[in-house]
């Protein structure tokens, strides 16, 4: 009787301890997973904001924009910048993209709108609520927020912060715009919506916790059965099957080929239940491993999509930046011997767009890319601008560059001379080539600049030839 009285509390105590262990583990893992995902998303957001700001400031004429903000009159460059920022908002999808100037008048809680980006629908159809050059906000900002903007005006680099304002809960990046004399005149701001981001973080956290709870529950169940008495032989059978499963896992090429050989245990007690549980557990683990593999494939696919130009199928500016960073690393380590850069600028794209429509401009770009890819089959092609393309030549293509470039020019001329093609099917291009020279070039950018300069020289020559 004494043993029975001792035995029952012990089992209950073990269950309570196991439950508390899982609870504490889930809390710790939950906090850790949540913070990890939050840090990951915020780093991604910072990089996204930084890329947008870098992209936009490269298209701003600060003196012209300052003059527009002072006179409240839109210049031609202002209108071009507005169209460009609208395209950036449409393509890169920030929550808000804007340029403002904080004011100190009338209580110090107002800002002046210099430029706000809108999507096509809001810009041209649903215009109610749009903000324009010279508009002064009313009660949308607090004095503290505007004071913070004044502090940002003194910053030299991008300022990141989480903000909950009238406009929503956002993660923001601000960059001070300065004229040619270095005087600040406005703030370029990029906002990313945090509401959906936090929902995604919580969803992923709960998803991971659910997996932890399931796996933890299974292992606790196995542990409770393992602590039972008089099960030595069945435990050895289970151990043998488990070891066989582990050994099998070393040689199979895919998790779906793993098979747990369940021992023949028919004693109708907890040990048989343990055997069945391990069998189920291995299937769950196998399914989970397959899900992880599928998720990794999806991640790789998403990265490929992110690095591909949607119109042409060639690599985009982001992919080019990654390749440049890779090659720069090889240059620094003295592990690269030879490569070349071909810089190409597509002629007449604006004329085709203006005279025939943007869909024919797209056909011109696609036709141009098809010709490039047919000839430079061993080299990556990058579209780094609307009409700008880069080819990085290595290996056989670099050795055969003269032949390939001649073949490329002949292909373009052949279309014109044949006379069977429409204007948008006859690409014309100015190109420049630069060969990496380790005695001259310290980075890929040096080679790129020489290729770019050669391209512009060729572009001027072509323009002069047309004039003659």
Protein backbone atom coordinates (compact mmCIF):
# COMPACT_ATOMS: atom_id res chain seq x y z
CA UNK A 1 0.00 0.00 0.00
CA UNK A 2 2.85 2.31 0.85
CA UNK A 3 4.39 1.68 -2.55
CA UNK A 4 1.09 2.47 -4.22
CA UNK A 5 0.74 5.66 -2.24
CA UNK A 6 4.28 6.68 -3.26
CA UNK A 7 3.92 5.57 -6.86
CA UNK A 8 0.87 7.66 -7.73
CA UNK A 9 2.22 11.04 -6.57
CA UNK A 10 5.48 10.36 -8.38
CA UNK A 11 3.72 9.88 -11.71
CA UNK A 12 1.65 12.96 -11.09
CA UNK A 13 4.78 14.91 -10.14
CA UNK A 14 6.57 13.78 -13.29
CA UNK A 15 3.61 14.89 -15.39
CA UNK A 16 3.48 18.25 -13.65
CA UNK A 17 7.23 18.77 -14.06
CA UNK A 18 7.03 17.79 -17.73
CA UNK A 19 4.11 20.16 -18.28
CA UNK A 20 5.95 23.03 -16.58
CA UNK A 21 9.07 22.23 -18.60
CA UNK A 22 7.15 22.43 -21.87
CA UNK A 23 5.41 25.61 -20.74
CA UNK A 24 8.68 27.33 -19.81
CA UNK A 25 10.36 26.02 -22.96
CA UNK A 26 7.53 27.37 -25.12
CA UNK A 27 7.67 30.75 -23.39
CA UNK A 28 11.43 31.01 -23.82
CA UNK A 29 11.36 29.78 -27.41
CA UNK A 30 8.36 31.98 -28.16
CA UNK A 31 10.18 35.09 -26.99
CA UNK A 32 13.37 34.05 -28.77
CA UNK A 33 11.58 33.21 -32.03
CA UNK A 34 9.53 36.41 -31.88
CA UNK A 35 12.61 38.58 -31.33
CA UNK A 36 14.52 36.73 -34.05
CA UNK A 37 11.74 37.21 -36.59
CA UNK A 38 11.30 40.84 -35.54
CA UNK A 39 15.00 41.51 -35.93
CA UNK A 40 14.99 39.76 -39.32
CA UNK A 41 11.98 41.70 -40.62
CA UNK A 42 13.34 45.02 -39.35
CA UNK A 43 16.72 44.38 -40.99
CA UNK A 44 14.92 43.55 -44.22
CA UNK A 45 12.85 46.73 -43.88
CA UNK A 46 15.96 48.82 -43.24
CA UNK A 47 17.64 47.40 -46.33
CA UNK A 48 14.50 47.95 -48.41
CA UNK A 49 14.19 51.55 -47.19
CA UNK A 50 17.89 52.21 -47.76
CA UNK A 51 17.65 50.88 -51.34
CA UNK A 52 14.60 53.06 -52.07
CA UNK A 53 16.24 56.20 -50.63
CA UNK A 54 19.49 55.54 -52.50
CA UNK A 55 17.53 54.95 -55.69
CA UNK A 56 15.43 58.12 -55.32
CA UNK A 57 18.18 60.57 -54.30
CA UNK A 58 20.09 59.59 -57.42
CA UNK A 59 17.28 61.20 -59.45
CA UNK A 60 16.89 64.42 -57.42
CA UNK A 61 18.25 67.78 -58.59
CA UNK A 62 18.51 69.34 -55.13
CA UNK A 63 18.86 72.95 -56.26
CA UNK A 64 15.87 72.68 -58.58
CA UNK A 65 13.76 70.93 -55.95
CA UNK A 66 14.72 73.51 -53.30
CA UNK A 67 13.70 76.29 -55.66
CA UNK A 68 10.35 74.56 -56.24
CA UNK A 69 9.80 74.24 -52.50
CA UNK A 70 10.63 77.93 -51.99
CA UNK A 71 8.50 79.25 -54.87
CA UNK A 72 5.84 76.51 -54.66
CA UNK A 73 5.98 76.29 -58.46
CA UNK A 74 6.47 72.94 -60.19
CA UNK A 75 9.36 72.81 -62.65
CA UNK A 76 9.84 70.28 -65.44
CA UNK A 77 12.37 68.41 -63.31
CA UNK A 78 9.89 68.42 -60.44
CA UNK A 79 7.25 66.80 -62.65
CA UNK A 80 9.77 64.22 -63.86
CA UNK A 81 10.72 63.48 -60.25
CA UNK A 82 7.04 63.11 -59.31
CA UNK A 83 6.50 60.60 -62.12
CA UNK A 84 9.66 58.74 -61.12
CA UNK A 85 8.66 58.56 -57.44
CA UNK A 86 5.18 57.39 -58.44
CA UNK A 87 6.83 54.56 -60.39
CA UNK A 88 9.04 53.72 -57.41
CA UNK A 89 5.97 53.54 -55.15
CA UNK A 90 4.19 51.38 -57.71
CA UNK A 91 7.16 49.02 -58.23
CA UNK A 92 8.78 48.80 -54.77
CA UNK A 93 5.53 49.21 -52.79
CA UNK A 94 6.44 51.31 -49.74
CA UNK A 95 3.47 52.45 -47.66
CA UNK A 96 4.40 56.11 -48.16
CA UNK A 97 7.12 57.88 -50.15
CA UNK A 98 7.34 61.64 -49.69
CA UNK A 99 9.45 64.78 -49.32
CA UNK A 100 8.50 67.28 -46.60
CA UNK A 101 9.85 70.35 -44.83
CA UNK A 102 9.17 70.82 -41.08
CA UNK A 103 7.95 74.31 -40.11
CA UNK A 104 8.34 76.29 -36.90
CA UNK A 105 5.43 78.71 -37.44
CA UNK A 106 1.93 78.53 -35.90
CA UNK A 107 2.76 76.38 -32.90
CA UNK A 108 5.50 74.35 -34.54
CA UNK A 109 3.36 71.30 -35.38
CA UNK A 110 3.07 71.71 -39.14
CA UNK A 111 5.02 70.51 -42.13
CA UNK A 112 4.99 71.66 -45.74
CA UNK A 113 4.52 69.10 -48.46
CA UNK A 114 7.16 69.22 -51.17
CA UNK A 115 6.24 66.00 -53.00
CA UNK A 116 4.24 62.87 -52.24
CA UNK A 117 4.28 59.73 -54.38
CA UNK A 118 0.98 58.10 -55.30
CA UNK A 119 0.00 54.96 -57.15
CA UNK A 120 -1.58 55.36 -60.57
CA UNK A 121 -5.13 55.04 -59.29
CA UNK A 122 -4.74 57.69 -56.58
CA UNK A 123 -2.71 60.00 -58.81
CA UNK A 124 -5.11 60.12 -61.74
CA UNK A 125 -8.52 58.84 -60.59
CA UNK A 126 -9.09 58.89 -56.84
CA UNK A 127 -7.38 62.25 -56.28
CA UNK A 128 -9.35 63.22 -53.18
CA UNK A 129 -6.98 63.55 -50.25
CA UNK A 130 -3.85 63.93 -52.38
CA UNK A 131 -1.22 66.37 -51.13
CA UNK A 132 0.54 68.80 -53.44
CA UNK A 133 3.55 71.11 -53.48
CA UNK A 134 3.18 73.84 -50.87
CA UNK A 135 0.34 72.19 -48.90
CA UNK A 136 0.61 72.77 -45.14
CA UNK A 137 -0.62 70.04 -42.79
CA UNK A 138 -3.11 70.92 -40.07
CA UNK A 139 -3.35 68.61 -37.06
CA UNK A 140 -1.81 65.47 -38.54
CA UNK A 141 1.51 65.98 -36.72
CA UNK A 142 2.24 66.73 -33.08
CA UNK A 143 4.80 69.31 -32.01
CA UNK A 144 7.05 66.51 -30.74
CA UNK A 145 6.99 64.83 -34.14
CA UNK A 146 7.83 68.05 -35.96
CA UNK A 147 10.61 68.80 -33.43
CA UNK A 148 11.99 65.37 -34.23
CA UNK A 149 11.93 66.23 -37.94
CA UNK A 150 13.98 69.35 -37.17
CA UNK A 151 16.57 67.14 -35.46
CA UNK A 152 16.57 64.82 -38.48
CA UNK A 153 17.31 67.86 -40.70
CA UNK A 154 20.70 68.03 -38.95
CA UNK A 155 21.54 64.35 -39.60
CA UNK A 156 24.07 63.33 -42.23
CA UNK A 157 22.91 59.75 -42.76
CA UNK A 158 19.61 57.88 -42.99
CA UNK A 159 17.63 57.93 -39.72
CA UNK A 160 15.48 54.87 -38.99
CA UNK A 161 12.67 54.80 -36.44
CA UNK A 162 9.39 53.13 -35.56
CA UNK A 163 6.55 55.61 -35.70
CA UNK A 164 2.89 55.54 -34.62
CA UNK A 165 1.24 58.68 -35.99
CA UNK A 166 -1.91 59.96 -37.61
CA UNK A 167 -0.77 58.21 -40.79
CA UNK A 168 -0.47 54.78 -39.17
CA UNK A 169 2.00 52.46 -37.47
CA UNK A 170 5.10 52.41 -39.64
CA UNK A 171 8.80 51.76 -39.78
CA UNK A 172 10.34 54.87 -41.30
CA UNK A 173 13.58 55.94 -42.90
CA UNK A 174 14.41 59.64 -43.28
CA UNK A 175 17.18 61.27 -45.28
CA UNK A 176 17.97 65.00 -45.21
CA UNK A 177 18.10 66.68 -48.62
CA UNK A 178 20.65 69.48 -49.02
CA UNK A 179 21.26 71.97 -51.80
CA UNK A 180 24.60 72.47 -53.53
CA UNK A 181 25.73 74.71 -50.66
CA UNK A 182 25.05 72.01 -48.08
CA UNK A 183 21.99 73.73 -46.62
CA UNK A 184 19.15 71.36 -45.65
CA UNK A 185 15.82 72.14 -47.24
CA UNK A 186 13.71 68.99 -46.84
CA UNK A 187 13.40 65.38 -45.71
CA UNK A 188 12.96 62.37 -47.99
CA UNK A 189 10.84 59.85 -46.11
CA UNK A 190 10.00 56.19 -46.75
CA UNK A 191 7.40 54.42 -44.57
CA UNK A 192 6.73 50.68 -44.40
CA UNK A 193 3.53 49.44 -42.78
CA UNK A 194 4.22 47.63 -39.52
CA UNK A 195 0.67 46.41 -38.89
CA UNK A 196 0.88 43.56 -41.37
CA UNK A 197 4.52 42.95 -40.47
CA UNK A 198 3.66 42.32 -36.82
CA UNK A 199 0.82 40.02 -37.89
CA UNK A 200 3.28 38.03 -40.01
CA UNK A 201 5.76 37.87 -37.12
CA UNK A 202 3.08 36.59 -34.72
CA UNK A 203 1.82 34.07 -37.28
CA UNK A 204 5.30 32.65 -37.88
CA UNK A 205 5.99 32.60 -34.14
CA UNK A 206 2.79 30.69 -33.38
CA UNK A 207 3.49 28.35 -36.29
CA UNK A 208 6.94 27.49 -34.93
CA UNK A 209 5.60 27.17 -31.39
CA UNK A 210 2.96 24.74 -32.58
CA UNK A 211 5.66 22.54 -34.07
CA UNK A 212 7.67 22.80 -30.85
CA UNK A 213 4.60 21.89 -28.78
CA UNK A 214 3.78 18.88 -30.97
CA UNK A 215 7.33 17.55 -31.00
CA UNK A 216 7.79 18.34 -27.31
CA UNK A 217 4.54 16.60 -26.45
CA UNK A 218 5.54 13.50 -28.36
CA UNK A 219 8.92 13.34 -26.67
CA UNK A 220 7.37 13.86 -23.23
CA UNK A 221 4.89 11.09 -23.93
CA UNK A 222 7.80 8.82 -24.94
CA UNK A 223 9.69 9.83 -21.80
CA UNK A 224 6.76 9.02 -19.48
CA UNK A 225 6.41 5.58 -21.03
CA UNK A 226 10.16 5.00 -20.87
CA UNK A 227 10.11 5.57 -17.09
CA UNK A 228 7.65 2.73 -16.58
CA UNK A 229 8.85 -0.51 -15.03
CA UNK A 230 9.36 -4.03 -16.43
CA UNK A 231 9.78 -2.99 -20.08
CA UNK A 232 13.46 -3.76 -20.63
CA UNK A 233 13.04 -6.15 -23.54
CA UNK A 234 10.50 -4.04 -25.47
CA UNK A 235 12.71 -0.99 -24.90
CA UNK A 236 15.66 -2.84 -26.43
CA UNK A 237 13.51 -3.71 -29.45
CA UNK A 238 12.53 -0.10 -29.80
CA UNK A 239 16.13 0.99 -29.44
CA UNK A 240 17.16 -1.41 -32.20
CA UNK A 241 14.44 -0.08 -34.53
CA UNK A 242 15.36 3.51 -33.70
CA UNK A 243 19.04 2.86 -34.40
CA UNK A 244 18.10 1.27 -37.70
CA UNK A 245 16.09 4.37 -38.57
CA UNK A 246 19.04 6.62 -37.69
CA UNK A 247 21.44 4.48 -39.72
CA UNK A 248 19.00 4.49 -42.62
CA UNK A 249 18.80 8.30 -42.48
CA UNK A 250 22.53 8.55 -43.24
CA UNK A 251 22.17 7.02 -46.68
CA UNK A 252 18.74 7.95 -48.05
CA UNK A 253 18.66 10.77 -50.59
CA UNK A 254 15.27 12.13 -49.52
CA UNK A 255 13.29 12.17 -46.24
CA UNK A 256 10.27 10.55 -47.93
CA UNK A 257 12.35 7.36 -48.33
CA UNK A 258 12.83 7.05 -44.57
CA UNK A 259 10.81 4.25 -43.01
CA UNK A 260 10.65 3.36 -39.35
CA UNK A 261 10.52 -0.41 -38.96
CA UNK A 262 8.14 -0.76 -36.04
CA UNK A 263 8.99 -3.74 -33.79
CA UNK A 264 6.40 -6.49 -33.34
CA UNK A 265 5.20 -5.62 -29.83
CA UNK A 266 1.77 -7.01 -28.89
CA UNK A 267 1.75 -6.84 -25.10
CA UNK A 268 -1.17 -4.38 -25.10
CA UNK A 269 0.34 -1.93 -22.64
CA UNK A 270 2.21 1.38 -22.58
CA UNK A 271 5.22 -0.05 -24.41
CA UNK A 272 3.11 -0.91 -27.46
CA UNK A 273 1.68 2.58 -27.32
CA UNK A 274 5.25 3.91 -27.24
CA UNK A 275 6.07 1.90 -30.35
CA UNK A 276 3.07 3.34 -32.18
CA UNK A 277 3.90 6.83 -30.97
CA UNK A 278 7.48 6.65 -32.26
CA UNK A 279 6.16 5.45 -35.62
CA UNK A 280 3.81 8.43 -35.79
CA UNK A 281 6.55 10.74 -34.61
CA UNK A 282 8.95 9.66 -37.35
CA UNK A 283 6.25 10.28 -39.95
CA UNK A 284 5.63 13.73 -38.48
CA UNK A 285 9.35 14.48 -38.48
CA UNK A 286 9.61 13.26 -42.06
CA UNK A 287 6.69 15.47 -43.06
CA UNK A 288 8.26 18.39 -41.25
CA UNK A 289 11.60 17.80 -42.99
CA UNK A 290 9.81 17.74 -46.34
CA UNK A 291 8.10 21.00 -45.43
CA UNK A 292 11.45 22.55 -44.53
CA UNK A 293 12.95 21.39 -47.83
CA UNK A 294 9.95 22.78 -49.71
CA UNK A 295 10.25 26.06 -47.81
CA UNK A 296 13.95 26.29 -48.74
CA UNK A 297 13.06 25.69 -52.39
CA UNK A 298 10.40 28.39 -52.19
CA UNK A 299 12.90 30.78 -50.61
CA UNK A 300 15.39 30.07 -53.39
CA UNK A 301 12.63 30.63 -55.96
CA UNK A 302 11.62 33.92 -54.33
CA UNK A 303 15.24 35.09 -54.40
CA UNK A 304 15.45 34.18 -58.08
CA UNK A 305 12.25 36.16 -58.76
CA UNK A 306 13.61 39.12 -56.77
CA UNK A 307 16.79 39.07 -58.91
CA UNK A 308 14.97 38.82 -62.27
CA UNK A 309 13.65 41.65 -64.42
CA UNK A 310 9.94 40.93 -64.88
CA UNK A 311 9.74 42.36 -68.41
CA UNK A 312 12.69 40.63 -70.03
CA UNK A 313 13.57 37.66 -67.85
CA UNK A 314 17.20 38.77 -67.56
CA UNK A 315 18.79 39.63 -64.23
CA UNK A 316 17.95 42.98 -62.65
CA UNK A 317 19.85 45.75 -60.85
CA UNK A 318 19.67 43.95 -57.50
CA UNK A 319 21.28 40.85 -59.03
CA UNK A 320 23.94 43.05 -60.62
CA UNK A 321 24.71 44.64 -57.26
CA UNK A 322 25.10 41.19 -55.66
CA UNK A 323 27.39 40.05 -58.50
CA UNK A 324 29.51 43.20 -58.15
CA UNK A 325 29.89 42.56 -54.42
CA UNK A 326 30.90 38.95 -55.15
CA UNK A 327 33.49 39.97 -57.76
CA UNK A 328 34.84 42.72 -55.49
CA UNK A 329 35.40 40.10 -52.82
CA UNK A 330 37.32 37.95 -55.29
CA UNK A 331 39.38 40.97 -56.36
CA UNK A 332 40.26 41.79 -52.76
CA UNK A 333 41.32 38.18 -52.19
CA UNK A 334 43.26 38.18 -55.47
CA UNK A 335 41.23 35.18 -56.65
CA UNK A 336 40.01 36.58 -59.97
CA UNK A 337 42.20 36.98 -63.03
CA UNK A 338 40.05 38.09 -65.90
CA UNK A 339 36.65 39.55 -66.69
CA UNK A 340 35.18 42.30 -68.81
CA UNK A 341 32.12 44.51 -68.74
CA UNK A 342 29.98 45.48 -71.72
CA UNK A 343 27.80 48.53 -71.08
CA UNK A 344 24.87 48.98 -73.47
CA UNK A 345 22.38 51.82 -73.86
CA UNK A 346 19.30 51.18 -75.98
CA UNK A 347 18.62 54.01 -78.43
CA UNK A 348 15.23 55.42 -79.43
CA UNK A 349 13.29 53.84 -76.54
CA UNK A 350 11.69 57.15 -75.59
CA UNK A 351 10.84 57.83 -79.25
CA UNK A 352 9.15 54.42 -79.59
CA UNK A 353 7.24 54.98 -76.34
CA UNK A 354 6.13 58.46 -77.41
CA UNK A 355 5.21 57.61 -81.01
CA UNK A 356 3.78 54.10 -80.68
CA UNK A 357 3.06 53.51 -77.01
CA UNK A 358 4.83 51.89 -74.08
CA UNK A 359 3.71 48.40 -75.08
CA UNK A 360 5.82 48.74 -78.23
CA UNK A 361 8.66 50.12 -76.15
CA UNK A 362 8.42 46.92 -74.12
CA UNK A 363 8.59 44.87 -77.33
CA UNK A 364 11.74 46.80 -78.33
CA UNK A 365 13.35 46.00 -74.96
CA UNK A 366 12.32 42.32 -75.13
CA UNK A 367 13.58 41.98 -78.71
CA UNK A 368 16.86 43.59 -77.72
CA UNK A 369 17.26 41.17 -74.78
CA UNK A 370 16.45 38.15 -76.97
CA UNK A 371 19.26 39.13 -79.35
CA UNK A 372 21.73 39.67 -76.50
CA UNK A 373 20.89 36.34 -74.84
CA UNK A 374 21.08 34.43 -78.14
CA UNK A 375 24.63 35.67 -78.72
CA UNK A 376 26.10 35.96 -75.21
CA UNK A 377 24.81 32.58 -74.10
CA UNK A 378 27.52 32.00 -71.49
CA UNK A 379 27.43 35.42 -69.83
CA UNK A 380 24.93 36.97 -67.40
CA UNK A 381 22.92 39.91 -68.76
CA UNK A 382 21.63 42.57 -66.36
CA UNK A 383 19.04 45.27 -66.90
CA UNK A 384 20.15 48.05 -64.56
CA UNK A 385 17.91 50.82 -65.89
CA UNK A 386 15.05 51.43 -68.26
CA UNK A 387 17.31 51.34 -71.32
CA UNK A 388 20.64 50.38 -69.76
CA UNK A 389 22.08 46.86 -69.81
CA UNK A 390 25.31 45.31 -68.57
CA UNK A 391 27.00 42.06 -69.58
CA UNK A 392 29.77 40.58 -67.43
CA UNK A 393 32.07 38.58 -69.70
CA UNK A 394 34.20 35.73 -68.37
CA UNK A 395 35.64 32.51 -69.76
CA UNK A 396 34.92 31.71 -73.42
CA UNK A 397 32.71 34.75 -74.02
CA UNK A 398 35.50 37.04 -72.82
CA UNK A 399 38.02 35.34 -75.10
CA UNK A 400 35.61 35.57 -78.05
CA UNK A 401 34.35 39.06 -77.23
CA UNK A 402 35.41 40.66 -80.53
CA UNK A 403 33.66 37.94 -82.50
CA UNK A 404 30.58 38.07 -80.32
CA UNK A 405 30.34 41.88 -80.39
CA UNK A 406 30.68 41.83 -84.17
CA UNK A 407 28.03 39.12 -84.38
CA UNK A 408 25.81 41.23 -82.14
CA UNK A 409 26.23 44.36 -84.27
CA UNK A 410 25.61 42.32 -87.45
CA UNK A 411 22.40 40.96 -85.95
CA UNK A 412 21.16 44.49 -85.29
CA UNK A 413 22.20 45.76 -88.72
CA UNK A 414 20.67 42.72 -90.41
CA UNK A 415 17.25 43.58 -89.07
CA UNK A 416 17.49 47.13 -90.39
CA UNK A 417 18.85 46.11 -93.80
CA UNK A 418 16.28 43.35 -94.28
CA UNK A 419 13.48 45.90 -94.05
CA UNK A 420 10.87 43.38 -92.88
CA UNK A 421 10.82 44.54 -89.27
CA UNK A 422 8.85 47.26 -87.56
CA UNK A 423 10.71 50.12 -85.81
CA UNK A 424 10.14 48.49 -82.44
CA UNK A 425 11.67 45.26 -83.76
CA UNK A 426 14.93 46.93 -84.84
CA UNK A 427 16.95 47.77 -81.74
CA UNK A 428 19.80 50.26 -81.96
CA UNK A 429 22.39 50.37 -79.23
CA UNK A 430 25.47 52.25 -78.13
CA UNK A 431 27.92 50.02 -76.31
CA UNK A 432 31.23 50.25 -74.56
CA UNK A 433 33.60 47.55 -73.34
CA UNK A 434 36.22 47.60 -70.60
CA UNK A 435 38.64 44.82 -69.66
CA UNK A 436 39.66 44.30 -66.03
CA UNK A 437 43.27 45.34 -65.47
CA UNK A 438 44.61 44.53 -62.01
CA UNK A 439 47.20 47.29 -62.40
CA UNK A 440 44.49 49.90 -62.99
CA UNK A 441 41.33 48.61 -61.35
CA UNK A 442 40.83 48.12 -57.63
CA UNK A 443 37.16 47.16 -57.90
CA UNK A 444 34.42 46.29 -60.38
CA UNK A 445 33.19 49.88 -60.28
CA UNK A 446 36.45 51.04 -61.91
CA UNK A 447 35.88 48.68 -64.84
CA UNK A 448 32.21 49.69 -65.00
CA UNK A 449 33.10 53.39 -65.21
CA UNK A 450 35.49 52.79 -68.09
CA UNK A 451 32.89 50.73 -69.95
CA UNK A 452 30.26 53.40 -69.27
CA UNK A 453 32.57 56.14 -70.56
CA UNK A 454 33.29 54.11 -73.70
CA UNK A 455 29.58 53.61 -74.23
CA UNK A 456 28.86 57.34 -73.98
CA UNK A 457 31.69 58.12 -76.40
CA UNK A 458 30.11 55.69 -78.85
CA UNK A 459 26.70 57.24 -78.26
CA UNK A 460 28.08 60.69 -79.15
CA UNK A 461 29.73 59.25 -82.28
CA UNK A 462 26.44 57.68 -83.37
CA UNK A 463 24.64 60.97 -82.78
CA UNK A 464 27.26 62.80 -84.84
CA UNK A 465 26.92 60.23 -87.64
CA UNK A 466 23.16 60.74 -87.70
CA UNK A 467 23.66 64.52 -87.85
CA UNK A 468 25.99 64.22 -90.83
